[in-house]
Structure formats: structure tokens, C-alpha cells
Amino acid sequence: MLRNDHSIIPHLTHHLIQFASESQFNKEMINTSNALHSIAALTCYKLNIHFNYEQDQQTFEVRRSSRECLWSIHEFGDVSAQTELVNARYARVYAISICTANGAGEEQDGEICNGLNHIFKFIRDLHQGKYISWLPQFPPQPLLARRSVEQIEEEGANEEVDAQLIKNKENRGNIKGQANKVKGKILNYFINKGNLRPSWYNN
């Protein structure tokens, strides 16, 4: 057992970035028992534990790289990958990243905006299916979408989305715009073809 695990942080970060940036690793990750659950656990690595600036930055990079690794699997994965991501509580990962109240999440504006964007795209793809020609395609997955929204609600992230709409009146870093789109997807408004669609619907 390691007495001091700080030295492994840069090595973890390096490999996670490799996984996140190279889509050919995605299938291996999905087919490796508990790999997605382990990566999801790393997204909370030493969250709210502070040492010094350098170590805090390293642990932040582990969390960020872990989230990006999971995002890469969503982006390049087929329907079985989406199922495994929901089982690993992927929506919860980004819900935690945007929950900035009481220091419970990453408080940088860029991370909040990025987290909102990833939640929006994940829920959108599950609600509407993915039909982009150069990516794996799959039909709508309403049950997976519902489970993901439940994960978001369990973390209190829907309240945080509302809070971002209120406190970012100047729309700093487009946080307000992203929060608005996420709110729309969480509410899953029924859009009749004859009705005017809100701006987030086809994004």
C-alpha cells in the first residue's frame, strides 16, 4: 500500500489524458470490468481537500481528465457505451462539477460552463438519439435519459442550474446560456411540430 500517493498523480493524469484524446481506447474501457466506475470515482479525487497550489492543481487535473475521458466515451460510443455510462452514473459526474455551492464542486467558470455543456449534450443525445454520420449512431434512449435526469436531481444539480441562471446575469462565459439549455433538457418539454421551438431544442 502506498504511504504517499501524491507522486502517482502526474502519471494518472498523463494516462487519463491519453484515454480521453484517443477514441480507439473507448471499447477497451467499456469492456474492462469496473473501468468506467473507477474513472467516475476519480472525478471526485480529493475534492475539497487542499494541500498547496501545486498539489491542488494536480488533483484538479486528475478530476478534469477523468471527466474528459468519460466524455470521449460518450462522444465516440455506441448505445452499449451509453448504457455503461449511465450505470457508472456519468450524469452525476458532471452534476458534481457544476455544484459550486459551499465549495462542493469546481468553481472555475470554464469548468462550470463545460459541465453544463456536457450534461446538455448527453441528455439531448439520450432523448433524441444520435444521428451524426461520422460518429456511432443510436435511436432515442428514453429510459437512460430518465435515469440520468434522476442522477442529476439526486445531486441537487437542477437547483444549481437555476442558481446559475439567477447569479450569472451578465452571462459570464456563456454559463447562463448553457444553464438555460440544460434546464430545457431536464424538463424535457414536449415540442409539437407545429409549435415554435425554444432555441435549445435543436442544439
Protein backbone atom coordinates (compact mmCIF):
# COMPACT_ATOMS: atom_id res chain seq x y z
CA MET A 1 0.00 0.00 0.00
CA LEU A 2 1.28 3.46 -0.89
CA ARG A 3 2.03 5.70 2.06
CA ASN A 4 2.08 8.83 -0.03
CA ASP A 5 0.08 8.75 -3.24
CA HIS A 6 0.88 12.31 -4.36
CA SER A 7 3.66 11.05 -6.63
CA ILE A 8 1.27 8.97 -8.76
CA ILE A 9 -0.94 11.97 -9.63
CA PRO A 10 1.05 13.17 -12.69
CA HIS A 11 1.20 9.60 -14.05
CA LEU A 12 -2.55 9.15 -13.63
CA THR A 13 -3.17 12.47 -15.32
CA HIS A 14 -0.97 11.56 -18.28
CA HIS A 15 -2.74 8.24 -18.92
CA LEU A 16 -6.21 9.71 -18.43
CA ILE A 17 -5.50 12.42 -20.99
CA GLN A 18 -4.33 9.71 -23.39
CA PHE A 19 -7.57 7.79 -22.89
CA ALA A 20 -9.61 10.96 -23.30
CA SER A 21 -7.95 12.01 -26.53
CA GLU A 22 -7.73 8.64 -28.32
CA SER A 23 -11.06 7.13 -29.28
CA GLN A 24 -9.60 3.67 -30.01
CA PHE A 25 -9.29 3.12 -26.24
CA ASN A 26 -13.02 3.58 -25.71
CA LYS A 27 -14.03 -0.02 -26.46
CA GLU A 28 -11.32 -1.37 -24.18
CA MET A 29 -12.52 0.88 -21.37
CA ILE A 30 -16.14 -0.23 -21.77
CA ASN A 31 -15.19 -3.92 -21.92
CA THR A 32 -12.89 -3.76 -18.87
CA SER A 33 -14.76 -4.68 -15.72
CA ASN A 34 -15.35 -1.69 -13.43
CA ALA A 35 -13.09 0.60 -15.52
CA LEU A 36 -15.81 3.22 -16.04
CA HIS A 37 -16.77 3.10 -12.36
CA SER A 38 -13.11 3.65 -11.42
CA ILE A 39 -12.77 6.60 -13.78
CA ALA A 40 -16.04 8.03 -12.46
CA ALA A 41 -14.68 7.70 -8.90
CA LEU A 42 -11.53 9.60 -9.93
CA THR A 43 -13.69 12.58 -10.93
CA CYS A 44 -14.12 13.20 -7.18
CA TYR A 45 -10.46 12.53 -6.34
CA LYS A 46 -9.56 14.63 -3.26
CA LEU A 47 -12.40 17.05 -3.99
CA ASN A 48 -12.48 19.78 -1.29
CA ILE A 49 -9.16 18.57 0.16
CA HIS A 50 -6.50 21.26 -0.17
CA PHE A 51 -2.73 20.94 0.26
CA ASN A 52 -0.76 23.55 -1.63
CA TYR A 53 -1.26 25.19 -5.02
CA GLU A 54 0.81 22.65 -6.97
CA GLN A 55 -0.87 19.60 -5.48
CA ASP A 56 -4.31 21.19 -5.78
CA GLN A 57 -3.65 21.77 -9.49
CA GLN A 58 -2.54 18.17 -9.94
CA THR A 59 -5.63 16.76 -8.24
CA PHE A 60 -7.80 19.14 -10.29
CA GLU A 61 -6.16 17.77 -13.46
CA VAL A 62 -6.94 14.20 -12.38
CA ARG A 63 -10.60 15.13 -11.92
CA ARG A 64 -10.79 17.10 -15.16
CA SER A 65 -9.01 14.43 -17.22
CA SER A 66 -11.26 11.74 -15.76
CA ARG A 67 -14.35 13.70 -16.79
CA GLU A 68 -12.94 14.24 -20.29
CA CYS A 69 -12.16 10.53 -20.57
CA LEU A 70 -15.81 9.69 -19.85
CA TRP A 71 -16.94 12.42 -22.25
CA SER A 72 -14.81 10.86 -25.01
CA ILE A 73 -16.53 7.51 -24.41
CA HIS A 74 -19.93 9.22 -24.70
CA GLU A 75 -18.94 11.08 -27.85
CA PHE A 76 -17.47 8.07 -29.70
CA GLY A 77 -19.51 5.28 -28.07
CA ASP A 78 -22.44 3.26 -29.36
CA VAL A 79 -25.65 2.55 -27.44
CA SER A 80 -23.94 -0.05 -25.22
CA ALA A 81 -21.40 2.61 -24.22
CA GLN A 82 -24.21 4.99 -23.27
CA THR A 83 -25.78 2.26 -21.12
CA GLU A 84 -22.48 1.63 -19.33
CA LEU A 85 -22.02 5.36 -18.77
CA VAL A 86 -25.45 5.63 -17.17
CA ASN A 87 -24.63 2.60 -14.98
CA ALA A 88 -21.41 4.37 -13.93
CA ARG A 89 -23.54 7.44 -13.05
CA TYR A 90 -21.96 9.66 -15.71
CA ALA A 91 -24.60 12.39 -15.37
CA ARG A 92 -23.76 12.57 -11.65
CA VAL A 93 -20.11 13.24 -12.56
CA TYR A 94 -20.97 16.48 -14.35
CA ALA A 95 -23.67 17.34 -11.84
CA ILE A 96 -20.97 17.42 -9.15
CA SER A 97 -18.70 19.52 -11.37
CA ILE A 98 -21.29 22.32 -11.59
CA CYS A 99 -22.45 22.24 -7.95
CA THR A 100 -20.38 25.19 -6.75
CA ALA A 101 -22.46 25.97 -3.66
CA ASN A 102 -20.50 25.60 -0.41
CA GLY A 103 -17.38 24.67 -2.34
CA ALA A 104 -18.86 21.35 -3.42
CA GLY A 105 -17.54 21.49 -6.96
CA GLU A 106 -15.08 23.04 -9.38
CA GLU A 107 -15.56 26.77 -9.02
CA GLN A 108 -13.84 27.91 -12.22
CA ASP A 109 -16.25 29.43 -14.73
CA GLY A 110 -14.80 27.36 -17.57
CA GLU A 111 -15.40 24.11 -15.71
CA ILE A 112 -18.97 25.11 -14.85
CA CYS A 113 -19.73 26.01 -18.48
CA ASN A 114 -18.05 22.82 -19.71
CA GLY A 115 -20.01 20.71 -17.23
CA LEU A 116 -23.30 22.29 -18.27
CA ASN A 117 -22.47 21.74 -21.94
CA HIS A 118 -21.64 18.06 -21.40
CA ILE A 119 -24.82 17.46 -19.37
CA PHE A 120 -26.89 19.13 -22.11
CA LYS A 121 -25.34 17.08 -24.92
CA PHE A 122 -25.60 13.80 -23.02
CA ILE A 123 -29.27 14.26 -22.12
CA ARG A 124 -30.03 15.57 -25.64
CA ASP A 125 -28.44 12.53 -27.27
CA LEU A 126 -30.34 10.16 -25.00
CA HIS A 127 -33.65 11.98 -25.58
CA GLN A 128 -33.32 12.47 -29.34
CA GLY A 129 -30.81 9.78 -30.38
CA LYS A 130 -27.56 10.47 -32.19
CA TYR A 131 -27.51 10.55 -35.97
CA ILE A 132 -24.18 12.19 -36.85
CA SER A 133 -22.70 10.38 -39.85
CA TRP A 134 -19.08 10.19 -38.65
CA LEU A 135 -19.98 9.01 -35.12
CA PRO A 136 -21.70 5.83 -33.84
CA GLN A 137 -25.45 6.30 -34.21
CA PHE A 138 -28.24 5.16 -31.91
CA PRO A 139 -32.00 5.79 -31.56
CA PRO A 140 -33.57 7.69 -28.63
CA GLN A 141 -32.99 6.06 -25.24
CA PRO A 142 -35.79 7.48 -23.04
CA LEU A 143 -35.17 5.13 -20.10
CA LEU A 144 -31.47 6.03 -19.99
CA ALA A 145 -32.39 9.71 -20.26
CA ARG A 146 -34.76 9.40 -17.32
CA ARG A 147 -32.19 7.62 -15.16
CA SER A 148 -29.63 10.31 -15.99
CA VAL A 149 -32.01 13.12 -15.05
CA GLU A 150 -32.68 11.30 -11.76
CA GLN A 151 -28.92 11.22 -11.09
CA ILE A 152 -28.75 14.96 -11.73
CA GLU A 153 -31.67 15.59 -9.38
CA GLU A 154 -30.12 13.40 -6.66
CA GLU A 155 -27.06 15.67 -6.60
CA GLY A 156 -29.22 18.80 -6.42
CA ALA A 157 -27.79 19.98 -9.74
CA ASN A 158 -31.18 21.09 -11.08
CA GLU A 159 -31.25 23.69 -8.28
CA GLU A 160 -27.68 24.65 -9.19
CA VAL A 161 -28.74 25.13 -12.82
CA ASP A 162 -31.47 27.51 -11.60
CA ALA A 163 -28.89 29.29 -9.41
CA GLN A 164 -26.60 29.78 -12.42
CA LEU A 165 -29.48 31.39 -14.33
CA ILE A 166 -30.00 33.86 -11.48
CA LYS A 167 -26.44 34.71 -10.45
CA ASN A 168 -24.92 34.94 -13.94
CA LYS A 169 -27.00 37.84 -15.19
CA GLU A 170 -24.06 39.09 -17.25
CA ASN A 171 -23.82 35.58 -18.82
CA ARG A 172 -20.16 35.25 -17.86
CA GLY A 173 -18.52 32.64 -20.11
CA ASN A 174 -21.94 31.79 -21.60
CA ILE A 175 -22.81 29.99 -18.35
CA LYS A 176 -26.35 31.38 -18.39
CA GLY A 177 -26.90 30.22 -21.97
CA GLN A 178 -25.66 26.72 -21.18
CA ALA A 179 -27.74 26.58 -17.97
CA ASN A 180 -30.84 27.53 -19.95
CA LYS A 181 -30.26 24.68 -22.41
CA VAL A 182 -29.69 22.17 -19.61
CA LYS A 183 -32.87 23.28 -17.86
CA GLY A 184 -34.80 22.69 -21.07
CA LYS A 185 -33.44 19.18 -21.47
CA ILE A 186 -34.04 18.27 -17.84
CA LEU A 187 -37.64 19.42 -18.11
CA ASN A 188 -37.88 17.53 -21.43
CA TYR A 189 -40.52 19.82 -22.85
CA PHE A 190 -42.89 18.20 -25.33
CA ILE A 191 -42.36 20.01 -28.60
CA ASN A 192 -45.18 19.66 -31.11
CA LYS A 193 -44.03 20.03 -34.71
CA GLY A 194 -46.44 22.91 -35.20
CA ASN A 195 -45.20 24.82 -32.15
CA LEU A 196 -42.36 27.29 -32.00
CA ARG A 197 -39.29 25.51 -30.66
CA PRO A 198 -37.12 27.11 -27.99
CA SER A 199 -33.54 27.86 -29.04
CA TRP A 200 -32.06 24.88 -27.13
CA TYR A 201 -34.20 22.22 -28.88
CA ASN A 202 -32.09 21.56 -31.99
CA ASN A 203 -28.69 22.40 -30.48
